[in-house]
Amino acid sequence: MGVFVFLPLVLPLTALPIARVAAQHLHPRSATRLLTALGCVLALCSTLCLLLLMVVGTAQLPGNPLPDAWADPQVRAVVPYAEISGTAAIGALALVLGAGTVAIRRHLRVRARAHAALAGLTPRSADRDLAVLPDPAPYAYALPGTARAPGRVVVSTAMLDALDADERAALLAHERAHLAAGHHRHLLAVRLAACANPLLRPLREAVAYNAERWADEDAALAVADRRLTARTVARAALLTPAGTAPAGGLAGFAAAGPVPRRVAALLGPVPPSRGWPPAASTAGLAAFVAAAGTTVSAASSLNASMALFLVLKAVTPL
């Protein structure tokens, strides 16, 4: 198998073309789901590869609990530079575990603190899912629910005062779309995938953008006015100072994304609901090539990981 055992670690690079094609030619809903699933599969293959490299590379260390057959020269020949690879894999897995743990704990901690801060808030609206905070800083975000508290739309009085009635309706529809579709789950999944393999970080940005576009389209449908939604997105972005995080540090739950691209998309036609552009078109050919390359990459990653696993299994005594 030789150097091909390292394929799962580098093949996530091939996911970048499909991210661009998805953003251009798929409905944001389909693009978000596709890229999230792709990122999770590639991250899983990458992590499995690191685990198997660690097992093979450290099998000859004294005192290890691994079967003696795993230190056989024929087994170690499967992985070039087994000792170096195994030692590096230990460090890489430690970083993956640490980064993933930090990401999950921060997600849960920030969400819990935000809900605790809203627990004593007196409702200013008949909408029970809306929390209006008296704050001179303009912001709005979707706060995911927990086992004890439902999801809420959190918006400051400064943001509401800066928008007219129609724009407020579009803004709230956008944030409610985030809650209804569970976009925080997609964002957390690709964040953990990027922790497993830094080469997947572009997918995290792509999913964040497509999740915002998904909420934009749902908001435009709810208020039945695409131009109004585009104007609201632009005004809300202009009102929010660059680099300003909303209360509780929850910017990651509903990142603003590239606003000019979002506004331009809303001023254009409604995205097609079909899965792919026509196969006979240039866009369809590009989508097919990107999808084929990404599929082969994922399959190769899984094959390389499973091949190493089967080698270890074959030499393991019963």
Protein backbone atom coordinates (compact mmCIF):
# COMPACT_ATOMS: atom_id res chain seq x y z
CA MET A 1 0.00 0.00 0.00
CA GLY A 2 2.99 2.29 0.56
CA VAL A 3 2.43 6.02 0.65
CA PHE A 4 -1.21 5.55 -0.35
CA VAL A 5 -1.98 4.93 3.31
CA PHE A 6 -1.56 8.68 3.83
CA LEU A 7 -4.25 9.55 1.27
CA PRO A 8 -7.04 10.18 3.83
CA LEU A 9 -4.93 12.96 5.33
CA VAL A 10 -4.57 14.99 2.11
CA LEU A 11 -7.59 14.09 0.00
CA PRO A 12 -9.87 16.60 1.76
CA LEU A 13 -8.26 19.15 -0.56
CA THR A 14 -10.34 17.70 -3.37
CA ALA A 15 -13.52 18.84 -1.61
CA LEU A 16 -12.79 22.48 -2.45
CA PRO A 17 -14.08 22.35 -6.07
CA ILE A 18 -17.39 20.81 -4.99
CA ALA A 19 -17.79 23.57 -2.39
CA ARG A 20 -17.52 26.23 -5.10
CA VAL A 21 -19.83 24.39 -7.48
CA ALA A 22 -22.40 23.77 -4.74
CA ALA A 23 -22.52 27.45 -3.80
CA GLN A 24 -23.02 28.50 -7.41
CA HIS A 25 -25.44 25.90 -8.73
CA LEU A 26 -27.29 24.20 -5.87
CA HIS A 27 -30.07 25.49 -3.69
CA PRO A 28 -28.47 26.67 -0.41
CA ARG A 29 -30.42 24.02 1.49
CA SER A 30 -28.97 21.21 -0.65
CA ALA A 31 -25.49 22.75 -0.61
CA THR A 32 -25.47 23.02 3.19
CA ARG A 33 -26.50 19.42 3.69
CA LEU A 34 -24.16 18.06 1.02
CA LEU A 35 -21.08 19.91 2.27
CA THR A 36 -21.79 19.04 5.90
CA ALA A 37 -22.07 15.34 5.09
CA LEU A 38 -18.96 15.45 2.92
CA GLY A 39 -16.93 17.19 5.62
CA CYS A 40 -17.99 14.63 8.24
CA VAL A 41 -17.08 11.65 6.02
CA LEU A 42 -13.64 13.03 5.11
CA ALA A 43 -12.93 13.98 8.74
CA LEU A 44 -13.91 10.48 9.91
CA CYS A 45 -11.61 8.85 7.35
CA SER A 46 -8.77 11.17 8.29
CA THR A 47 -9.14 10.44 12.01
CA LEU A 48 -9.34 6.70 11.40
CA CYS A 49 -6.17 6.89 9.32
CA LEU A 50 -4.33 8.68 12.15
CA LEU A 51 -5.51 6.07 14.64
CA LEU A 52 -4.29 3.17 12.50
CA LEU A 53 -0.98 4.88 11.79
CA MET A 54 -0.48 5.30 15.52
CA VAL A 55 -1.21 1.62 16.15
CA VAL A 56 1.25 0.40 13.50
CA GLY A 57 3.93 2.95 14.33
CA THR A 58 4.00 2.25 18.05
CA ALA A 59 3.57 -1.54 17.98
CA GLN A 60 7.25 -2.14 18.80
CA LEU A 61 7.41 0.17 21.78
CA PRO A 62 8.28 -1.81 24.95
CA GLY A 63 5.41 -2.36 27.32
CA ASN A 64 2.65 -1.63 24.82
CA PRO A 65 -0.50 -3.77 25.13
CA LEU A 66 -0.80 -4.40 21.38
CA PRO A 67 -0.55 -7.92 19.86
CA ASP A 68 3.03 -8.95 19.01
CA ALA A 69 1.98 -9.75 15.44
CA TRP A 70 1.34 -6.05 14.79
CA ALA A 71 5.09 -5.47 15.08
CA ASP A 72 5.83 -7.99 12.31
CA PRO A 73 8.11 -6.50 9.61
CA GLN A 74 5.60 -7.35 6.89
CA VAL A 75 2.93 -5.39 8.70
CA ARG A 76 5.22 -2.45 9.31
CA ALA A 77 6.23 -2.44 5.64
CA VAL A 78 2.69 -1.36 4.84
CA VAL A 79 3.39 2.06 6.35
CA PRO A 80 6.53 3.93 5.24
CA TYR A 81 8.60 5.27 8.15
CA ALA A 82 6.34 3.52 10.66
CA GLU A 83 8.04 4.85 13.79
CA ILE A 84 8.01 8.46 12.60
CA SER A 85 4.44 8.16 11.34
CA GLY A 86 3.25 6.58 14.56
CA THR A 87 4.86 9.20 16.77
CA ALA A 88 3.50 12.03 14.62
CA ALA A 89 0.05 10.40 14.64
CA ILE A 90 0.02 10.42 18.45
CA GLY A 91 0.61 14.15 18.52
CA ALA A 92 -1.91 14.77 15.74
CA LEU A 93 -4.61 12.72 17.49
CA ALA A 94 -3.96 14.60 20.72
CA LEU A 95 -4.44 17.89 18.88
CA VAL A 96 -7.62 16.60 17.21
CA LEU A 97 -9.08 15.42 20.51
CA GLY A 98 -8.12 18.63 22.28
CA ALA A 99 -9.46 20.95 19.58
CA GLY A 100 -12.70 18.99 19.28
CA THR A 101 -13.24 18.97 23.03
CA VAL A 102 -12.62 22.71 23.26
CA ALA A 103 -15.03 23.39 20.37
CA ILE A 104 -17.83 21.31 21.91
CA ARG A 105 -17.35 22.70 25.42
CA ARG A 106 -17.30 26.27 24.15
CA HIS A 107 -20.45 25.66 22.10
CA LEU A 108 -22.33 24.22 25.07
CA ARG A 109 -20.98 26.77 27.57
CA VAL A 110 -21.83 29.82 25.48
CA ARG A 111 -25.30 28.48 24.71
CA ALA A 112 -25.97 27.69 28.39
CA ARG A 113 -24.78 31.11 29.54
CA ALA A 114 -26.93 32.85 26.94
CA HIS A 115 -30.03 30.94 28.06
CA ALA A 116 -29.24 31.70 31.69
CA ALA A 117 -28.99 35.40 30.88
CA LEU A 118 -32.39 35.30 29.16
CA ALA A 119 -34.11 33.33 31.93
CA GLY A 120 -35.22 36.43 33.86
CA LEU A 121 -36.00 38.59 30.85
CA THR A 122 -39.48 40.07 30.81
CA PRO A 123 -41.10 39.43 27.40
CA ARG A 124 -41.70 42.60 25.38
CA SER A 125 -43.55 40.81 22.62
CA ALA A 126 -46.33 38.30 22.19
CA ASP A 127 -43.87 36.10 20.31
CA ARG A 128 -42.54 33.69 22.91
CA ASP A 129 -39.52 32.78 20.79
CA LEU A 130 -38.37 36.42 20.63
CA ALA A 131 -36.03 37.95 23.23
CA VAL A 132 -35.49 41.71 22.95
CA LEU A 133 -32.48 43.02 24.87
CA PRO A 134 -32.15 46.72 25.78
CA ASP A 135 -28.74 47.33 24.26
CA PRO A 136 -27.31 50.26 22.26
CA ALA A 137 -25.28 47.82 20.14
CA PRO A 138 -27.17 46.52 17.07
CA TYR A 139 -27.23 42.73 16.68
CA ALA A 140 -29.53 39.78 16.07
CA TYR A 141 -28.84 36.07 16.26
CA ALA A 142 -30.53 32.70 16.65
CA LEU A 143 -29.91 30.98 19.98
CA PRO A 144 -30.36 27.19 19.71
CA GLY A 145 -32.49 25.45 22.29
CA THR A 146 -31.42 23.06 25.03
CA ALA A 147 -33.14 20.22 26.86
CA ARG A 148 -34.55 22.76 29.32
CA ALA A 149 -35.12 25.81 27.15
CA PRO A 150 -36.48 26.29 23.63
CA GLY A 151 -34.60 28.11 20.92
CA ARG A 152 -34.89 31.91 20.91
CA VAL A 153 -34.35 34.76 18.48
CA VAL A 154 -32.27 37.36 20.31
CA VAL A 155 -32.28 40.91 19.00
CA SER A 156 -31.22 44.23 20.50
CA THR A 157 -33.41 47.30 20.73
CA ALA A 158 -30.83 49.21 18.70
CA MET A 159 -31.25 46.82 15.78
CA LEU A 160 -35.05 46.94 15.94
CA ASP A 161 -35.12 50.73 16.16
CA ALA A 162 -32.88 51.05 13.08
CA LEU A 163 -35.23 49.01 10.87
CA ASP A 164 -38.74 49.71 9.68
CA ALA A 165 -41.62 47.30 10.30
CA ASP A 166 -41.16 45.34 7.07
CA GLU A 167 -37.41 45.01 7.59
CA ARG A 168 -37.94 43.83 11.15
CA ALA A 169 -40.25 41.12 9.83
CA ALA A 170 -37.60 40.00 7.33
CA LEU A 171 -34.89 40.00 10.00
CA LEU A 172 -36.93 37.89 12.41
CA ALA A 173 -37.93 35.51 9.60
CA HIS A 174 -34.24 35.03 8.80
CA GLU A 175 -33.29 34.20 12.37
CA ARG A 176 -36.31 31.92 12.81
CA ALA A 177 -35.23 30.06 9.68
CA HIS A 178 -31.90 29.34 11.41
CA LEU A 179 -33.75 27.83 14.37
CA ALA A 180 -36.24 25.85 12.30
CA ALA A 181 -33.54 24.25 10.13
CA GLY A 182 -31.10 23.61 13.00
CA HIS A 183 -28.25 25.39 11.25
CA HIS A 184 -26.19 25.35 14.43
CA ARG A 185 -25.84 21.58 14.04
CA HIS A 186 -24.37 21.95 10.55
CA LEU A 187 -21.99 24.66 11.76
CA LEU A 188 -20.85 22.59 14.73
CA ALA A 189 -20.37 19.47 12.58
CA VAL A 190 -18.09 21.19 10.08
CA ARG A 191 -16.26 22.97 12.90
CA LEU A 192 -15.44 19.58 14.42
CA ALA A 193 -14.49 18.27 10.97
CA ALA A 194 -12.03 21.16 10.60
CA CYS A 195 -10.62 20.28 14.02
CA ALA A 196 -10.01 16.74 12.76
CA ASN A 197 -8.29 17.95 9.58
CA PRO A 198 -7.34 21.61 9.02
CA LEU A 199 -7.62 21.07 5.24
CA LEU A 200 -11.40 21.04 5.75
CA ARG A 201 -11.53 24.62 7.04
CA PRO A 202 -12.70 25.98 3.65
CA LEU A 203 -15.72 23.67 3.95
CA ARG A 204 -16.57 25.28 7.29
CA GLU A 205 -16.67 28.70 5.62
CA ALA A 206 -18.69 27.33 2.71
CA VAL A 207 -21.27 25.75 5.02
CA ALA A 208 -21.57 28.96 7.06
CA TYR A 209 -22.22 30.95 3.86
CA ASN A 210 -24.75 28.47 2.48
CA ALA A 211 -26.56 28.29 5.82
CA GLU A 212 -26.97 32.07 5.71
CA ARG A 213 -28.18 31.87 2.12
CA TRP A 214 -30.64 29.15 3.16
CA ALA A 215 -32.02 31.42 5.89
CA ASP A 216 -32.12 34.34 3.40
CA GLU A 217 -34.24 32.33 0.96
CA ASP A 218 -36.60 31.12 3.69
CA ALA A 219 -36.98 34.71 4.93
CA ALA A 220 -37.68 35.96 1.40
CA LEU A 221 -40.34 33.28 1.05
CA ALA A 222 -41.87 34.17 4.42
CA VAL A 223 -42.20 37.90 3.65
CA ALA A 224 -42.86 37.29 -0.07
CA ASP A 225 -40.35 39.96 -1.09
CA ARG A 226 -36.79 39.20 -2.18
CA ARG A 227 -35.80 42.86 -2.57
CA LEU A 228 -36.99 43.63 0.96
CA THR A 229 -34.94 40.75 2.31
CA ALA A 230 -31.88 41.90 0.37
CA ARG A 231 -32.29 45.43 1.74
CA THR A 232 -32.63 44.10 5.27
CA VAL A 233 -29.48 41.96 4.97
CA ALA A 234 -27.53 44.97 3.69
CA ARG A 235 -28.82 47.38 6.34
CA ALA A 236 -28.24 44.95 9.20
CA ALA A 237 -24.67 44.40 8.00
CA LEU A 238 -24.03 48.15 7.77
CA LEU A 239 -25.42 48.69 11.26
CA THR A 240 -23.18 46.05 12.83
CA PRO A 241 -19.57 47.27 13.28
CA ALA A 242 -16.93 45.01 11.75
CA GLY A 243 -15.53 42.52 14.26
CA THR A 244 -18.34 43.12 16.76
CA ALA A 245 -19.65 39.92 18.34
CA PRO A 246 -23.24 39.78 19.60
CA ALA A 247 -24.05 39.40 23.29
CA GLY A 248 -22.72 36.18 24.72
CA GLY A 249 -20.23 35.65 21.90
CA LEU A 250 -22.76 33.81 19.76
CA ALA A 251 -21.63 35.10 16.38
CA GLY A 252 -20.81 31.55 15.32
CA PHE A 253 -24.46 30.52 15.47
CA ALA A 254 -25.44 32.91 12.69
CA ALA A 255 -22.35 34.33 11.02
CA ALA A 256 -23.02 37.21 8.65
CA GLY A 257 -21.14 35.69 5.73
CA PRO A 258 -20.10 37.57 2.57
CA VAL A 259 -22.89 40.15 2.55
CA PRO A 260 -22.44 41.46 -1.04
CA ARG A 261 -22.77 37.93 -2.42
CA ARG A 262 -25.87 37.31 -0.33
CA VAL A 263 -27.50 40.57 -1.45
CA ALA A 264 -26.66 39.87 -5.10
CA ALA A 265 -28.16 36.39 -4.83
CA LEU A 266 -31.37 37.77 -3.33
CA LEU A 267 -31.65 40.34 -6.12
CA GLY A 268 -31.33 37.54 -8.65
CA PRO A 269 -33.76 34.74 -9.50
CA VAL A 270 -34.93 32.16 -6.99
CA PRO A 271 -32.41 29.28 -6.79
CA PRO A 272 -33.63 26.14 -8.54
CA SER A 273 -34.96 23.45 -6.27
CA ARG A 274 -33.50 20.68 -8.44
CA GLY A 275 -30.45 18.89 -7.13
CA TRP A 276 -28.05 19.62 -10.00
CA PRO A 277 -27.93 21.85 -13.09
CA PRO A 278 -28.75 20.17 -16.44
CA ALA A 279 -26.10 17.59 -17.36
CA ALA A 280 -25.76 18.98 -20.89
CA SER A 281 -24.84 22.48 -19.66
CA THR A 282 -21.38 23.80 -18.81
CA ALA A 283 -22.43 24.15 -15.18
CA GLY A 284 -23.71 20.58 -15.19
CA LEU A 285 -20.41 19.27 -16.57
CA ALA A 286 -18.45 21.21 -13.95
CA ALA A 287 -20.73 19.89 -11.21
CA PHE A 288 -20.31 16.32 -12.47
CA VAL A 289 -16.50 16.56 -12.60
CA ALA A 290 -16.33 18.11 -9.11
CA ALA A 291 -18.75 15.57 -7.65
CA ALA A 292 -16.91 12.66 -9.28
CA GLY A 293 -13.56 13.85 -7.98
CA THR A 294 -14.91 14.33 -4.49
CA THR A 295 -16.60 10.92 -4.49
CA VAL A 296 -13.41 9.21 -5.62
CA SER A 297 -11.48 11.07 -2.92
CA ALA A 298 -13.87 9.97 -0.18
CA ALA A 299 -13.85 6.40 -1.47
CA SER A 300 -10.04 6.40 -1.65
CA SER A 301 -9.81 7.72 1.89
CA LEU A 302 -12.12 5.02 3.18
CA ASN A 303 -10.33 2.33 1.14
CA ALA A 304 -6.88 3.30 2.45
CA SER A 305 -8.11 3.33 6.04
CA MET A 306 -9.94 0.02 5.71
CA ALA A 307 -7.00 -1.66 3.95
CA LEU A 308 -4.71 -0.86 6.87
CA PHE A 309 -7.39 -2.03 9.30
CA LEU A 310 -7.78 -5.34 7.47
CA VAL A 311 -4.01 -5.90 7.46
CA LEU A 312 -3.93 -5.51 11.22
CA LYS A 313 -6.96 -7.75 11.62
CA ALA A 314 -5.43 -10.48 9.44
CA VAL A 315 -2.33 -10.78 11.61
CA THR A 316 -4.17 -10.52 14.91
CA PRO A 317 -4.18 -13.88 16.72
CA LEU A 318 -7.57 -15.28 17.58
